[in-house]
Amino acid sequence: MAGKKRSIVREYVEAALWAVVLTLILRAFVIQAFRIPSESMLDTLLVGDFLFVNKFEYGPKIPFTHVRLPGLRGPRTGDIIVFQFPGNPSLDYIKRCVAAGGQTVEVRDSVPDNIQLPAVILAYHMPAQGTKDSYALGMLTAVLSGGESSRLTKRLVDKDKLAVMVQAIPLSMEDPCLFIGFSIANFGKTPREVEDVMQQEIDRVQKEMITETELTKIKNQRETEFVQKNSTVQGKAMQLADYYLFFGDTNLINTEIQKYAAVTREDMQRVAQQYLKNTNRTVLYYVPKTQAQ
């Protein structure tokens, strides 16, 4: 009788152990439950929701190692993915895949604040300073917002009365940085109205080369600015320091103006097409709290 009881206890223990082992195997290699920790997935997933992750899709990782088994496929656009945060592997992040390898996307956001007039910011990736394309983008800046007669100013501020100010700002630095289009909307105008007209003028320089008259005017402006910067001892000292620190070439004080002079209308149209495209930018609306959605 005592032996039979031990046999029953042993069966229960063995069943429990096998259940634990099977659960651990399933959790490590097949499927695992995760809880949504934050509001970043609203309205698709709510805080506190649970979801099951299929580990076979991308290939499970062998526990206590960095070895990952082959998966059935790679991530696709629209997939909800659970991954370890690189800055803290103890944290699991749950995000939707918005693009896969080789794809590019436009990022949009809206930030409410205690302001009176909304602003539109278009930020495009641009190459590092000193490259041929950086000089062409610098020249293109003058076409778009270099003075009262520039295209964006004449269209948005003077003609359509959509904005109180507009600027194109190439943040040319040692590493690739951003080409910024910035505008403050007029009273009663929406950020979307302003963005649409800004986009129309960008489309225009992409589709049509600027005129020879515009190119001559811009080059004359650049030459005048260059001469004015170097007309004083302090100005020359600052220019030499910049050329030495950022380029390692102080002789640019004599030759950089030639790089601007070498820019052609074709160059300016090409960089507009290459860099000022929707899939190479982030769009930010900086809006009054009363307009926040």
Protein backbone atom coordinates (compact mmCIF):
# COMPACT_ATOMS: atom_id res chain seq x y z
CA MET A 1 0.00 0.00 0.00
CA ALA A 2 2.81 2.38 0.90
CA GLY A 3 4.55 1.53 -2.37
CA LYS A 4 1.39 2.35 -4.35
CA LYS A 5 1.09 5.77 -2.64
CA ARG A 6 4.74 6.52 -3.47
CA SER A 7 4.04 5.55 -7.07
CA ILE A 8 1.08 7.97 -7.27
CA VAL A 9 3.14 10.80 -5.70
CA ARG A 10 5.96 10.08 -8.11
CA GLU A 11 3.56 10.26 -11.06
CA TYR A 12 2.28 13.64 -9.89
CA VAL A 13 5.80 14.96 -9.38
CA GLU A 14 6.96 13.69 -12.76
CA ALA A 15 3.89 15.18 -14.45
CA ALA A 16 4.51 18.51 -12.76
CA LEU A 17 8.20 18.46 -13.75
CA TRP A 18 7.38 17.63 -17.35
CA ALA A 19 4.79 20.42 -17.38
CA VAL A 20 7.40 22.89 -16.11
CA VAL A 21 9.98 21.71 -18.65
CA LEU A 22 7.46 21.86 -21.50
CA THR A 23 6.37 25.36 -20.41
CA LEU A 24 9.97 26.59 -20.33
CA ILE A 25 10.65 25.12 -23.78
CA LEU A 26 7.50 26.70 -25.23
CA ARG A 27 8.33 30.04 -23.60
CA ALA A 28 11.93 30.00 -24.84
CA PHE A 29 11.38 28.73 -28.39
CA VAL A 30 7.73 28.96 -29.43
CA ILE A 31 5.45 31.48 -27.74
CA GLN A 32 5.59 33.99 -24.88
CA ALA A 33 3.14 36.43 -23.29
CA PHE A 34 4.02 40.11 -22.86
CA ARG A 35 2.17 42.92 -21.11
CA ILE A 36 1.86 46.38 -22.71
CA PRO A 37 3.73 48.72 -20.30
CA SER A 38 3.08 52.18 -21.78
CA GLU A 39 0.80 54.30 -23.97
CA SER A 40 3.13 54.31 -26.99
CA MET A 41 0.92 51.85 -28.92
CA LEU A 42 -2.38 53.67 -28.40
CA ASP A 43 -4.97 53.25 -29.87
CA THR A 44 -4.01 49.81 -31.20
CA LEU A 45 -2.93 48.38 -27.84
CA LEU A 46 -3.90 49.67 -24.40
CA VAL A 47 -1.80 49.82 -21.25
CA GLY A 48 -2.13 46.49 -19.43
CA ASP A 49 -3.13 44.50 -22.50
CA PHE A 50 -1.42 41.15 -23.07
CA LEU A 51 -0.22 39.75 -26.37
CA PHE A 52 1.36 36.46 -27.37
CA VAL A 53 4.60 36.54 -29.37
CA ASN A 54 5.34 33.90 -31.98
CA LYS A 55 9.10 33.31 -31.61
CA PHE A 56 9.34 30.97 -34.58
CA GLU A 57 8.72 33.84 -37.04
CA TYR A 58 12.06 35.61 -36.60
CA GLY A 59 13.94 32.72 -34.97
CA PRO A 60 14.15 32.03 -31.21
CA LYS A 61 17.26 32.82 -29.21
CA ILE A 62 18.85 30.00 -27.23
CA PRO A 63 18.56 30.90 -23.51
CA PHE A 64 21.68 32.22 -21.76
CA THR A 65 23.48 32.66 -25.10
CA HIS A 66 23.59 35.18 -27.95
CA VAL A 67 22.87 32.45 -30.51
CA ARG A 68 19.65 32.82 -32.50
CA LEU A 69 18.13 29.95 -34.50
CA PRO A 70 17.02 30.54 -38.11
CA GLY A 71 13.54 32.07 -38.43
CA LEU A 72 10.76 31.63 -40.94
CA ARG A 73 11.04 35.24 -42.21
CA GLY A 74 12.29 38.71 -41.36
CA PRO A 75 10.27 41.68 -40.05
CA ARG A 76 7.66 43.17 -42.35
CA THR A 77 5.93 46.53 -42.37
CA GLY A 78 3.02 46.47 -39.93
CA ASP A 79 4.41 43.73 -37.67
CA ILE A 80 4.23 44.30 -33.90
CA ILE A 81 7.69 43.40 -32.59
CA VAL A 82 8.97 42.77 -29.06
CA PHE A 83 12.69 43.42 -28.60
CA GLN A 84 15.23 44.21 -25.92
CA PHE A 85 16.02 47.90 -25.51
CA PRO A 86 19.71 48.30 -26.60
CA GLY A 87 20.44 50.77 -23.78
CA ASN A 88 19.05 48.40 -21.13
CA PRO A 89 18.61 44.74 -22.19
CA SER A 90 16.45 44.08 -19.11
CA LEU A 91 13.66 46.17 -20.69
CA ASP A 92 11.37 44.75 -23.37
CA TYR A 93 10.08 47.24 -25.97
CA ILE A 94 6.90 46.61 -27.95
CA LYS A 95 6.68 48.58 -31.20
CA ARG A 96 5.11 48.41 -34.64
CA CYS A 97 7.47 48.05 -37.60
CA VAL A 98 6.84 51.09 -39.83
CA ALA A 99 9.47 50.19 -42.47
CA ALA A 100 11.67 47.26 -43.42
CA GLY A 101 15.14 47.14 -44.93
CA GLY A 102 15.51 49.38 -47.98
CA GLN A 103 12.32 51.33 -47.26
CA THR A 104 12.25 55.01 -46.26
CA VAL A 105 9.51 56.83 -44.40
CA GLU A 106 8.39 60.35 -43.57
CA VAL A 107 8.12 61.03 -39.83
CA ARG A 108 5.40 63.41 -38.59
CA ASP A 109 4.57 64.78 -35.16
CA SER A 110 2.71 67.63 -33.50
CA VAL A 111 3.83 69.35 -30.29
CA PRO A 112 1.37 71.57 -28.36
CA ASP A 113 2.66 74.45 -26.25
CA ASN A 114 1.72 77.80 -24.76
CA ILE A 115 2.21 79.79 -27.98
CA GLN A 116 0.00 82.10 -30.05
CA LEU A 117 0.85 81.15 -33.64
CA PRO A 118 1.63 77.67 -34.99
CA ALA A 119 4.94 76.86 -36.66
CA VAL A 120 5.85 74.37 -39.36
CA ILE A 121 9.28 72.69 -39.37
CA LEU A 122 10.49 70.53 -42.25
CA ALA A 123 13.81 68.82 -41.46
CA TYR A 124 15.67 67.08 -44.30
CA HIS A 125 18.88 65.06 -44.01
CA MET A 126 21.77 66.79 -45.77
CA PRO A 127 25.48 65.97 -46.35
CA ALA A 128 28.40 67.21 -44.29
CA GLN A 129 29.96 70.63 -44.79
CA GLY A 130 32.68 70.95 -47.39
CA THR A 131 31.05 68.51 -49.81
CA LYS A 132 29.98 69.61 -53.28
CA ASP A 133 26.31 69.07 -52.45
CA SER A 134 26.54 71.17 -49.28
CA TYR A 135 27.60 74.17 -51.36
CA ALA A 136 24.74 73.58 -53.79
CA LEU A 137 22.24 73.38 -50.92
CA GLY A 138 23.70 76.58 -49.50
CA MET A 139 23.05 78.32 -52.81
CA LEU A 140 19.56 76.83 -52.98
CA THR A 141 18.85 78.33 -49.55
CA ALA A 142 19.22 81.82 -51.03
CA VAL A 143 16.69 80.99 -53.76
CA LEU A 144 14.13 79.83 -51.22
CA SER A 145 14.53 82.39 -48.42
CA GLY A 146 17.47 84.69 -49.11
CA GLY A 147 15.82 88.08 -48.69
CA GLU A 148 12.50 89.75 -49.42
CA SER A 149 12.55 88.68 -53.09
CA SER A 150 13.14 84.98 -52.34
CA ARG A 151 10.54 82.46 -53.47
CA LEU A 152 9.20 81.31 -50.11
CA THR A 153 9.02 84.84 -48.71
CA LYS A 154 7.25 86.28 -51.77
CA ARG A 155 4.75 83.42 -51.88
CA LEU A 156 3.90 82.74 -48.22
CA VAL A 157 4.40 86.19 -46.66
CA ASP A 158 3.70 88.70 -49.44
CA LYS A 159 1.30 87.01 -51.84
CA ASP A 160 -0.77 84.42 -49.95
CA LYS A 161 -0.43 86.01 -46.47
CA LEU A 162 -0.13 82.53 -44.98
CA ALA A 163 2.91 83.19 -42.80
CA VAL A 164 4.51 86.01 -40.85
CA MET A 165 7.98 84.64 -41.61
CA VAL A 166 9.67 81.77 -43.43
CA GLN A 167 13.28 80.59 -43.61
CA ALA A 168 15.40 77.84 -45.12
CA ILE A 169 18.35 77.00 -42.86
CA PRO A 170 21.10 74.56 -43.90
CA LEU A 171 22.75 73.33 -40.69
CA SER A 172 26.04 72.47 -42.34
CA MET A 173 28.36 70.67 -39.91
CA GLU A 174 31.32 68.26 -39.86
CA ASP A 175 28.95 65.29 -40.03
CA PRO A 176 25.76 65.01 -42.09
CA CYS A 177 23.10 67.20 -40.51
CA LEU A 178 19.76 68.86 -41.38
CA PHE A 179 18.37 71.28 -43.92
CA ILE A 180 15.53 73.07 -42.11
CA GLY A 181 12.47 74.73 -43.60
CA PHE A 182 10.85 76.86 -40.88
CA SER A 183 7.74 79.02 -41.00
CA ILE A 184 5.39 80.72 -38.51
CA ALA A 185 1.78 80.73 -39.69
CA ASN A 186 -0.26 83.91 -39.88
CA PHE A 187 -3.23 84.41 -37.57
CA GLY A 188 -6.11 82.15 -38.60
CA LYS A 189 -3.96 79.96 -40.88
CA THR A 190 -3.31 76.29 -40.24
CA PRO A 191 0.05 74.48 -40.32
CA ARG A 192 -1.24 72.30 -43.14
CA GLU A 193 -1.99 75.31 -45.34
CA VAL A 194 1.53 76.63 -44.75
CA GLU A 195 3.16 73.27 -45.37
CA ASP A 196 1.26 72.74 -48.62
CA VAL A 197 2.53 76.01 -50.11
CA MET A 198 6.08 75.40 -48.84
CA GLN A 199 5.91 72.03 -50.58
CA GLN A 200 4.70 73.65 -53.80
CA GLU A 201 7.77 75.90 -53.89
CA ILE A 202 10.07 72.96 -53.13
CA ASP A 203 8.39 70.98 -55.91
CA ARG A 204 9.02 73.93 -58.22
CA VAL A 205 12.80 73.97 -57.70
CA GLN A 206 12.82 70.20 -58.17
CA LYS A 207 10.94 70.32 -61.49
CA GLU A 208 12.31 73.54 -62.97
CA MET A 209 15.86 74.91 -62.96
CA ILE A 210 16.23 78.39 -61.52
CA THR A 211 16.80 81.19 -64.00
CA GLU A 212 20.21 82.50 -65.01
CA THR A 213 19.24 85.82 -63.47
CA GLU A 214 18.57 84.16 -60.10
CA LEU A 215 21.85 82.27 -60.25
CA THR A 216 23.84 85.44 -61.01
CA LYS A 217 22.08 87.28 -58.17
CA ILE A 218 22.83 84.50 -55.67
CA LYS A 219 26.49 84.27 -56.65
CA ASN A 220 26.85 88.04 -56.30
CA GLN A 221 25.29 87.81 -52.82
CA ARG A 222 27.68 85.04 -51.81
CA GLU A 223 30.70 86.98 -53.05
CA THR A 224 29.57 90.10 -51.19
CA GLU A 225 29.05 88.14 -47.96
CA PHE A 226 32.47 86.49 -48.35
CA VAL A 227 34.23 89.82 -48.85
CA GLN A 228 32.42 91.43 -45.91
CA LYS A 229 33.41 88.56 -43.58
CA ASN A 230 37.06 89.02 -44.49
CA SER A 231 37.10 92.83 -44.50
CA THR A 232 38.30 93.15 -40.89
CA VAL A 233 41.13 91.60 -38.90
CA GLN A 234 38.62 90.01 -36.52
CA GLY A 235 36.62 88.57 -39.40
CA LYS A 236 39.73 87.08 -41.02
CA ALA A 237 40.83 85.59 -37.70
CA MET A 238 37.46 83.94 -37.15
CA GLN A 239 37.37 82.56 -40.70
CA LEU A 240 40.90 81.15 -40.39
CA ALA A 241 40.01 79.53 -37.06
CA ASP A 242 36.89 77.93 -38.56
CA TYR A 243 38.75 76.62 -41.60
CA TYR A 244 41.53 75.18 -39.45
CA LEU A 245 39.23 73.63 -36.84
CA PHE A 246 36.53 72.16 -39.10
CA PHE A 247 38.36 71.59 -42.40
CA GLY A 248 42.04 71.44 -41.48
CA ASP A 249 42.73 73.81 -44.37
CA THR A 250 43.27 77.51 -43.71
CA ASN A 251 43.80 78.14 -47.43
CA LEU A 252 40.03 77.89 -47.88
CA ILE A 253 39.94 81.56 -46.96
CA ASN A 254 41.31 82.10 -50.48
CA THR A 255 39.49 79.34 -52.35
CA GLU A 256 36.09 78.59 -50.80
CA ILE A 257 34.34 81.31 -52.79
CA GLN A 258 35.35 79.39 -55.92
CA LYS A 259 33.38 76.37 -54.67
CA TYR A 260 30.22 78.48 -54.55
CA ALA A 261 31.02 79.99 -57.95
CA ALA A 262 31.31 76.48 -59.42
CA VAL A 263 27.71 75.57 -58.47
CA THR A 264 25.44 75.31 -61.51
CA ARG A 265 21.70 75.47 -61.97
CA GLU A 266 21.77 71.74 -62.68
CA ASP A 267 23.52 71.14 -59.35
CA MET A 268 20.84 73.04 -57.46
CA GLN A 269 18.00 71.16 -59.15
CA ARG A 270 19.75 67.85 -58.51
CA VAL A 271 20.26 68.42 -54.76
CA ALA A 272 16.66 69.60 -54.44
CA GLN A 273 15.52 66.33 -55.98
CA GLN A 274 17.96 64.21 -53.99
CA TYR A 275 17.61 65.69 -50.50
CA LEU A 276 14.37 67.71 -50.31
CA LYS A 277 12.05 64.74 -50.71
CA ASN A 278 9.33 63.52 -48.39
CA THR A 279 11.02 60.21 -47.61
CA ASN A 280 14.10 62.09 -46.36
CA ARG A 281 12.43 64.35 -43.82
CA THR A 282 10.68 64.81 -40.50
CA VAL A 283 7.68 67.16 -40.31
CA LEU A 284 6.89 68.88 -37.03
CA TYR A 285 3.89 71.07 -36.23
CA TYR A 286 4.50 73.29 -33.19
CA VAL A 287 0.98 74.39 -32.28
CA PRO A 288 -0.97 76.27 -29.59
CA LYS A 289 -2.58 73.98 -27.04
CA THR A 290 -6.00 75.13 -28.26
CA GLN A 291 -5.25 73.56 -31.65
CA ALA A 292 -3.85 70.31 -30.30
CA GLN A 293 -5.81 67.23 -31.35
